[in-house]
Amino acid sequence: TCRSTCRYFHLPKIAAFLFLQSFVVAVFLVENNNFSFGNSVLCFDFAIVLSVPFFFLFIYRLFSGFVHGPPVSKQLNKMREKWRKKRMRRLKRKRRAAKK
């Protein structure tokens, strides 16, 4: 399903967006010089620090995700299958009991 992949892939998108935004802000501040240079550098550093973990997460997800799906999904699917079988069995039992 899309949900499992989306869960991993929208985080880096947000991070990249934030990074770009703060980069643009930093450049804008430097160009206009209405802030001291130190301030905008701080902003830029903040952007980098914020986006680095997301970047690594993104790379990790890229390699683990595209090779064989999100890491969790296999186990989850197995569990779901098990639960479904159990539920079906229970339903069958109930139906049989209702018939009698």
N, C-alpha and C. Protein backbone atom coordinates (compact mmCIF):
# COMPACT_ATOMS: atom_id res chain seq x y z
N THR A 1 0.84 -1.20 0.00
CA THR A 1 0.00 0.00 0.00
C THR A 1 0.87 1.25 0.00
N CYS A 2 0.27 2.35 -0.35
CA CYS A 2 1.03 3.60 -0.41
C CYS A 2 1.44 4.04 0.99
N ARG A 3 0.56 3.75 1.97
CA ARG A 3 0.75 4.35 3.29
C ARG A 3 2.13 4.05 3.87
N SER A 4 2.56 2.79 3.74
CA SER A 4 3.83 2.41 4.36
C SER A 4 5.00 3.17 3.73
N THR A 5 4.95 3.38 2.40
CA THR A 5 6.05 4.10 1.76
C THR A 5 5.93 5.59 2.05
N CYS A 6 4.72 6.12 1.97
CA CYS A 6 4.53 7.56 2.21
C CYS A 6 5.08 7.94 3.58
N ARG A 7 4.86 7.03 4.55
CA ARG A 7 5.29 7.33 5.90
C ARG A 7 6.79 7.64 5.92
N TYR A 8 7.55 6.90 5.08
CA TYR A 8 9.00 7.11 5.09
C TYR A 8 9.40 8.27 4.21
N PHE A 9 8.66 8.54 3.14
CA PHE A 9 9.17 9.45 2.14
C PHE A 9 8.71 10.89 2.30
N HIS A 10 7.69 11.17 3.10
CA HIS A 10 7.34 12.59 3.19
C HIS A 10 8.21 13.33 4.19
N LEU A 11 8.83 12.61 5.14
CA LEU A 11 9.76 13.28 6.07
C LEU A 11 10.91 13.97 5.34
N PRO A 12 11.65 13.24 4.50
CA PRO A 12 12.75 13.88 3.78
C PRO A 12 12.29 15.02 2.88
N LYS A 13 11.11 14.87 2.29
CA LYS A 13 10.58 15.95 1.44
C LYS A 13 10.43 17.22 2.27
N ILE A 14 9.82 17.07 3.45
CA ILE A 14 9.63 18.22 4.34
C ILE A 14 10.99 18.81 4.72
N ALA A 15 11.94 17.93 5.05
CA ALA A 15 13.27 18.38 5.45
C ALA A 15 13.93 19.16 4.33
N ALA A 16 13.84 18.62 3.11
CA ALA A 16 14.45 19.28 1.96
C ALA A 16 13.81 20.64 1.74
N PHE A 17 12.50 20.69 1.88
CA PHE A 17 11.77 21.94 1.71
C PHE A 17 12.24 22.98 2.73
N LEU A 18 12.30 22.55 4.01
CA LEU A 18 12.75 23.44 5.08
C LEU A 18 14.16 23.94 4.81
N PHE A 19 15.02 23.00 4.39
CA PHE A 19 16.42 23.33 4.12
C PHE A 19 16.50 24.39 3.03
N LEU A 20 15.78 24.15 1.94
CA LEU A 20 15.80 25.09 0.82
C LEU A 20 15.27 26.45 1.24
N GLN A 21 14.19 26.41 2.01
CA GLN A 21 13.57 27.64 2.45
C GLN A 21 14.53 28.47 3.30
N SER A 22 15.14 27.81 4.27
CA SER A 22 16.04 28.54 5.16
C SER A 22 17.29 29.01 4.41
N PHE A 23 17.69 28.22 3.39
CA PHE A 23 18.82 28.62 2.56
C PHE A 23 18.49 29.91 1.81
N VAL A 24 17.29 29.92 1.22
CA VAL A 24 16.83 31.11 0.49
C VAL A 24 16.76 32.31 1.42
N VAL A 25 16.21 32.07 2.62
CA VAL A 25 16.12 33.14 3.62
C VAL A 25 17.50 33.68 3.95
N ALA A 26 18.46 32.75 4.15
CA ALA A 26 19.82 33.15 4.50
C ALA A 26 20.43 34.00 3.39
N VAL A 27 20.28 33.54 2.14
CA VAL A 27 20.83 34.27 0.99
C VAL A 27 20.19 35.65 0.91
N PHE A 28 18.87 35.67 1.10
CA PHE A 28 18.13 36.92 1.03
C PHE A 28 18.65 37.91 2.07
N LEU A 29 18.88 37.41 3.28
CA LEU A 29 19.36 38.27 4.37
C LEU A 29 20.75 38.81 4.05
N VAL A 30 21.61 37.94 3.48
CA VAL A 30 22.97 38.38 3.15
C VAL A 30 22.91 39.45 2.06
N GLU A 31 22.08 39.19 1.04
CA GLU A 31 21.99 40.12 -0.09
C GLU A 31 21.50 41.49 0.38
N ASN A 32 20.49 41.47 1.23
CA ASN A 32 19.90 42.75 1.66
C ASN A 32 20.67 43.42 2.77
N ASN A 33 21.52 42.64 3.45
CA ASN A 33 22.38 43.17 4.51
C ASN A 33 21.61 43.91 5.60
N ASN A 34 20.32 43.62 5.73
CA ASN A 34 19.59 44.27 6.82
C ASN A 34 19.78 43.50 8.12
N PHE A 35 20.34 42.28 8.00
CA PHE A 35 20.75 41.54 9.19
C PHE A 35 22.26 41.49 9.19
N SER A 36 22.82 41.26 10.35
CA SER A 36 24.27 41.07 10.38
C SER A 36 24.58 39.74 9.70
N PHE A 37 25.78 39.62 9.15
CA PHE A 37 26.16 38.41 8.43
C PHE A 37 26.09 37.18 9.33
N GLY A 38 26.49 37.33 10.59
CA GLY A 38 26.51 36.23 11.54
C GLY A 38 25.14 35.60 11.71
N ASN A 39 24.14 36.45 11.72
CA ASN A 39 22.77 35.99 11.93
C ASN A 39 22.34 35.03 10.83
N SER A 40 22.61 35.42 9.58
CA SER A 40 22.16 34.59 8.46
C SER A 40 22.96 33.30 8.39
N VAL A 41 24.26 33.38 8.74
CA VAL A 41 25.07 32.17 8.78
C VAL A 41 24.49 31.21 9.80
N LEU A 42 24.08 31.76 10.94
CA LEU A 42 23.45 30.95 11.98
C LEU A 42 22.21 30.25 11.41
N CYS A 43 21.42 31.02 10.66
CA CYS A 43 20.20 30.49 10.05
C CYS A 43 20.55 29.34 9.12
N PHE A 44 21.59 29.56 8.30
CA PHE A 44 22.02 28.56 7.33
C PHE A 44 22.51 27.30 8.05
N ASP A 45 23.31 27.50 9.10
CA ASP A 45 23.81 26.38 9.90
C ASP A 45 22.64 25.59 10.47
N PHE A 46 21.66 26.32 10.98
CA PHE A 46 20.48 25.69 11.55
C PHE A 46 19.81 24.81 10.50
N ALA A 47 19.72 25.33 9.28
CA ALA A 47 19.10 24.58 8.18
C ALA A 47 19.86 23.28 7.93
N ILE A 48 21.19 23.40 7.86
CA ILE A 48 22.02 22.22 7.60
C ILE A 48 21.83 21.19 8.71
N VAL A 49 21.95 21.66 9.95
CA VAL A 49 21.84 20.76 11.10
C VAL A 49 20.49 20.06 11.11
N LEU A 50 19.45 20.82 10.77
CA LEU A 50 18.10 20.25 10.74
C LEU A 50 17.99 19.17 9.67
N SER A 51 18.56 19.43 8.50
CA SER A 51 18.28 18.53 7.38
C SER A 51 19.23 17.35 7.27
N VAL A 52 20.37 17.40 7.98
CA VAL A 52 21.34 16.30 7.86
C VAL A 52 20.75 14.95 8.27
N PRO A 53 20.14 14.84 9.47
CA PRO A 53 19.59 13.54 9.85
C PRO A 53 18.53 13.05 8.87
N PHE A 54 17.71 13.98 8.38
CA PHE A 54 16.66 13.60 7.44
C PHE A 54 17.28 13.11 6.13
N PHE A 55 18.38 13.77 5.75
CA PHE A 55 19.07 13.38 4.52
C PHE A 55 19.57 11.94 4.63
N PHE A 56 20.21 11.63 5.77
CA PHE A 56 20.71 10.27 5.95
C PHE A 56 19.57 9.27 6.01
N LEU A 57 18.50 9.65 6.69
CA LEU A 57 17.31 8.80 6.76
C LEU A 57 16.79 8.53 5.35
N PHE A 58 16.77 9.60 4.55
CA PHE A 58 16.27 9.49 3.18
C PHE A 58 17.12 8.52 2.36
N ILE A 59 18.46 8.67 2.46
CA ILE A 59 19.37 7.79 1.72
C ILE A 59 19.14 6.35 2.16
N TYR A 60 19.07 6.16 3.50
CA TYR A 60 18.86 4.81 4.04
C TYR A 60 17.56 4.21 3.52
N ARG A 61 16.49 5.02 3.55
CA ARG A 61 15.19 4.55 3.09
C ARG A 61 15.23 4.24 1.61
N LEU A 62 15.98 5.07 0.88
CA LEU A 62 16.08 4.89 -0.56
C LEU A 62 16.65 3.50 -0.85
N PHE A 63 17.76 3.18 -0.17
CA PHE A 63 18.43 1.92 -0.46
C PHE A 63 17.65 0.74 0.10
N SER A 64 17.12 0.87 1.32
CA SER A 64 16.40 -0.26 1.89
C SER A 64 15.01 -0.35 1.28
N GLY A 65 14.44 0.81 0.94
CA GLY A 65 13.05 0.86 0.48
C GLY A 65 12.87 0.36 -0.94
N PHE A 66 13.75 0.82 -1.85
CA PHE A 66 13.52 0.47 -3.24
C PHE A 66 14.02 -0.93 -3.58
N VAL A 67 14.96 -1.44 -2.78
CA VAL A 67 15.45 -2.79 -3.05
C VAL A 67 14.37 -3.81 -2.71
N HIS A 68 13.86 -3.76 -1.49
CA HIS A 68 12.78 -4.69 -1.15
C HIS A 68 11.78 -4.08 -0.18
N GLY A 69 11.08 -3.07 -0.67
CA GLY A 69 9.98 -2.49 0.10
C GLY A 69 10.41 -1.95 1.44
N PRO A 70 9.52 -1.24 2.13
CA PRO A 70 9.83 -0.73 3.47
C PRO A 70 10.14 -1.91 4.39
N PRO A 71 11.15 -1.77 5.27
CA PRO A 71 11.65 -2.88 6.07
C PRO A 71 10.57 -3.59 6.89
N VAL A 72 9.58 -2.86 7.34
CA VAL A 72 8.62 -3.43 8.28
C VAL A 72 7.55 -4.25 7.57
N SER A 73 7.28 -3.91 6.32
CA SER A 73 6.03 -4.38 5.69
C SER A 73 5.91 -5.90 5.64
N LYS A 74 7.04 -6.60 5.44
CA LYS A 74 6.95 -8.06 5.32
C LYS A 74 6.40 -8.68 6.59
N GLN A 75 7.00 -8.30 7.73
CA GLN A 75 6.53 -8.84 9.00
C GLN A 75 5.07 -8.47 9.21
N LEU A 76 4.76 -7.21 8.91
CA LEU A 76 3.39 -6.73 9.11
C LEU A 76 2.42 -7.54 8.27
N ASN A 77 2.79 -7.79 7.02
CA ASN A 77 1.91 -8.56 6.15
C ASN A 77 1.68 -9.96 6.69
N LYS A 78 2.76 -10.57 7.19
CA LYS A 78 2.63 -11.91 7.78
C LYS A 78 1.64 -11.87 8.94
N MET A 79 1.84 -10.87 9.82
CA MET A 79 0.97 -10.74 10.99
C MET A 79 -0.47 -10.57 10.55
N ARG A 80 -0.68 -9.67 9.57
CA ARG A 80 -2.03 -9.40 9.09
C ARG A 80 -2.68 -10.67 8.56
N GLU A 81 -1.89 -11.42 7.80
CA GLU A 81 -2.39 -12.68 7.23
C GLU A 81 -2.85 -13.61 8.35
N LYS A 82 -2.00 -13.70 9.39
CA LYS A 82 -2.30 -14.56 10.53
C LYS A 82 -3.61 -14.13 11.19
N TRP A 83 -3.71 -12.80 11.44
CA TRP A 83 -4.92 -12.27 12.10
C TRP A 83 -6.15 -12.55 11.25
N ARG A 84 -5.98 -12.39 9.91
CA ARG A 84 -7.12 -12.59 9.02
C ARG A 84 -7.60 -14.04 9.11
N LYS A 85 -6.64 -14.97 9.08
CA LYS A 85 -6.99 -16.39 9.18
C LYS A 85 -7.74 -16.67 10.48
N LYS A 86 -7.19 -16.13 11.58
CA LYS A 86 -7.83 -16.35 12.88
C LYS A 86 -9.25 -15.82 12.87
N ARG A 87 -9.40 -14.60 12.32
CA ARG A 87 -10.73 -13.97 12.30
C ARG A 87 -11.70 -14.82 11.48
N MET A 88 -11.21 -15.29 10.32
CA MET A 88 -12.06 -16.12 9.47
C MET A 88 -12.50 -17.38 10.20
N ARG A 89 -11.54 -18.01 10.90
CA ARG A 89 -11.84 -19.23 11.64
C ARG A 89 -12.92 -18.96 12.67
N ARG A 90 -12.75 -17.84 13.39
CA ARG A 90 -13.71 -17.49 14.43
C ARG A 90 -15.09 -17.28 13.81
N LEU A 91 -15.11 -16.58 12.67
CA LEU A 91 -16.38 -16.31 12.00
C LEU A 91 -17.05 -17.61 11.58
N LYS A 92 -16.25 -18.52 11.00
CA LYS A 92 -16.79 -19.81 10.57
C LYS A 92 -17.43 -20.54 11.75
N ARG A 93 -16.69 -20.54 12.88
CA ARG A 93 -17.18 -21.22 14.07
C ARG A 93 -18.51 -20.62 14.50
N LYS A 94 -18.57 -19.28 14.48
CA LYS A 94 -19.81 -18.60 14.88
C LYS A 94 -20.95 -18.98 13.95
N ARG A 95 -20.65 -19.00 12.64
CA ARG A 95 -21.69 -19.34 11.66
C ARG A 95 -22.22 -20.75 11.90
N ARG A 96 -21.27 -21.66 12.12
CA ARG A 96 -21.66 -23.04 12.36
C ARG A 96 -22.56 -23.14 13.60
N ALA A 97 -22.15 -22.41 14.64
CA ALA A 97 -22.92 -22.42 15.89
C ALA A 97 -24.31 -21.85 15.65
N ALA A 98 -24.38 -20.81 14.83
CA ALA A 98 -25.67 -20.17 14.55
C ALA A 98 -26.58 -21.11 13.77
N LYS A 99 -26.00 -21.90 12.85
CA LYS A 99 -26.79 -22.85 12.06
C LYS A 99 -27.44 -23.89 12.96
N LYS A 100 -26.63 -24.41 13.90
CA LYS A 100 -27.16 -25.42 14.83
C LYS A 100 -28.18 -24.74 15.70
